[in-house]
């Protein structure tokens, strides 16, 4: 089971890269945050952590390239390009209840 979870964390890196290329910043940030959280929680070996996230001191690039991670954080945290703007909570609630909420188009108000 642990090997299955580890494999999924590594798959997340590929999905992260595809999301960045499509400029799906919110999904990319979720992928990075989830992978980092699970990897730390599982106490992955240092070699796996370096393979995933790199090692800046030794200039080792990981599967989550630092430049992409920085771009994702800039787009979502600094610029707010997370597709969650200009919508009311009531509209969000109605979309959830109706099962028609499309998170790709949803914007926070």
Protein backbone atom coordinates (compact mmCIF):
# COMPACT_ATOMS: atom_id res chain seq x y z
CA UNK A 1 0.00 0.00 0.00
CA UNK A 2 2.80 2.45 0.85
CA UNK A 3 4.43 1.71 -2.50
CA UNK A 4 1.11 2.50 -4.22
CA UNK A 5 0.88 5.86 -2.46
CA UNK A 6 4.53 6.60 -3.31
CA UNK A 7 3.82 5.77 -6.96
CA UNK A 8 0.84 8.16 -6.96
CA UNK A 9 2.98 10.96 -5.51
CA UNK A 10 5.45 10.49 -8.36
CA UNK A 11 2.57 10.46 -10.92
CA UNK A 12 1.39 13.76 -9.49
CA UNK A 13 4.61 15.40 -10.68
CA UNK A 14 3.73 14.55 -14.29
CA UNK A 15 0.20 15.90 -13.85
CA UNK A 16 1.67 19.05 -12.28
CA UNK A 17 3.83 19.65 -15.37
CA UNK A 18 0.87 19.16 -17.72
CA UNK A 19 -1.22 21.61 -15.68
CA UNK A 20 1.53 24.22 -15.79
CA UNK A 21 1.79 23.87 -19.56
CA UNK A 22 -1.99 24.36 -19.84
CA UNK A 23 -1.79 27.28 -17.39
CA UNK A 24 -4.20 25.51 -15.05
CA UNK A 25 -2.56 27.17 -12.07
CA UNK A 26 -5.04 26.06 -9.41
CA UNK A 27 -4.70 22.36 -10.29
CA UNK A 28 -0.92 22.66 -10.50
CA UNK A 29 -0.75 24.27 -7.06
CA UNK A 30 -3.01 21.57 -5.62
CA UNK A 31 -0.78 18.87 -7.15
CA UNK A 32 2.36 20.40 -5.64
CA UNK A 33 0.80 21.04 -2.24
CA UNK A 34 -0.70 17.54 -2.05
CA UNK A 35 2.49 15.81 -3.18
CA UNK A 36 4.58 17.77 -0.68
CA UNK A 37 2.16 17.08 2.17
CA UNK A 38 1.89 13.34 1.44
CA UNK A 39 5.65 12.96 0.94
CA UNK A 40 6.40 14.63 4.27
CA UNK A 41 3.62 12.74 6.07
CA UNK A 42 4.85 9.40 4.69
CA UNK A 43 8.41 10.34 5.65
CA UNK A 44 9.72 9.41 2.22
CA UNK A 45 13.45 8.71 2.14
CA UNK A 46 15.71 11.67 1.39
CA UNK A 47 16.57 10.24 -2.03
CA UNK A 48 12.87 10.24 -3.00
CA UNK A 49 12.41 13.77 -1.67
CA UNK A 50 15.36 14.97 -3.76
CA UNK A 51 14.03 13.15 -6.82
CA UNK A 52 10.66 14.81 -6.37
CA UNK A 53 11.55 18.30 -5.18
CA UNK A 54 15.21 18.68 -6.02
CA UNK A 55 18.08 20.01 -3.93
CA UNK A 56 18.86 23.68 -4.43
CA UNK A 57 22.14 23.54 -2.51
CA UNK A 58 23.53 20.91 -4.87
CA UNK A 59 21.69 22.27 -7.92
CA UNK A 60 19.67 19.09 -8.47
CA UNK A 61 16.44 19.59 -10.39
CA UNK A 62 13.47 17.55 -9.15
CA UNK A 63 10.33 16.30 -10.86
CA UNK A 64 8.68 19.47 -9.55
CA UNK A 65 11.08 22.00 -11.14
CA UNK A 66 11.62 24.97 -8.84
CA UNK A 67 10.99 27.44 -11.68
CA UNK A 68 7.57 25.91 -12.36
CA UNK A 69 6.71 25.81 -8.66
CA UNK A 70 7.65 29.48 -8.31
CA UNK A 71 5.57 30.38 -11.36
CA UNK A 72 2.56 28.49 -10.00
CA UNK A 73 2.83 30.23 -6.63
CA UNK A 74 3.23 33.60 -8.35
CA UNK A 75 0.17 33.03 -10.53
CA UNK A 76 -2.06 31.74 -7.72
CA UNK A 77 -0.87 33.55 -4.61
CA UNK A 78 0.55 36.84 -5.90
CA UNK A 79 -1.54 37.51 -9.02
CA UNK A 80 -4.58 35.55 -7.90
CA UNK A 81 -5.02 33.70 -11.22
CA UNK A 82 -6.78 30.80 -9.60
CA UNK A 83 -10.13 30.91 -11.43
CA UNK A 84 -11.91 31.63 -8.14
CA UNK A 85 -12.73 35.34 -8.46
CA UNK A 86 -15.91 37.34 -9.02
CA UNK A 87 -18.48 34.83 -7.81
CA UNK A 88 -20.70 34.97 -4.78
CA UNK A 89 -20.86 32.31 -2.11
CA UNK A 90 -24.56 31.82 -2.84
CA UNK A 91 -23.81 31.08 -6.50
CA UNK A 92 -21.14 28.60 -5.39
CA UNK A 93 -23.58 26.89 -2.99
CA UNK A 94 -26.29 26.63 -5.67
CA UNK A 95 -23.79 25.12 -8.11
CA UNK A 96 -22.73 22.53 -5.54
CA UNK A 97 -26.33 21.59 -4.74
CA UNK A 98 -27.30 21.31 -8.39
CA UNK A 99 -24.17 19.34 -9.24
CA UNK A 100 -23.42 21.78 -12.06
CA UNK A 101 -20.44 23.56 -10.54
CA UNK A 102 -17.57 23.66 -13.02
CA UNK A 103 -14.42 24.46 -11.04
CA UNK A 104 -12.50 25.29 -14.22
CA UNK A 105 -14.69 28.37 -14.66
CA UNK A 106 -15.43 29.16 -11.03
CA UNK A 107 -14.10 32.41 -9.59
CA UNK A 108 -14.15 33.47 -5.97
CA UNK A 109 -15.85 36.74 -5.06
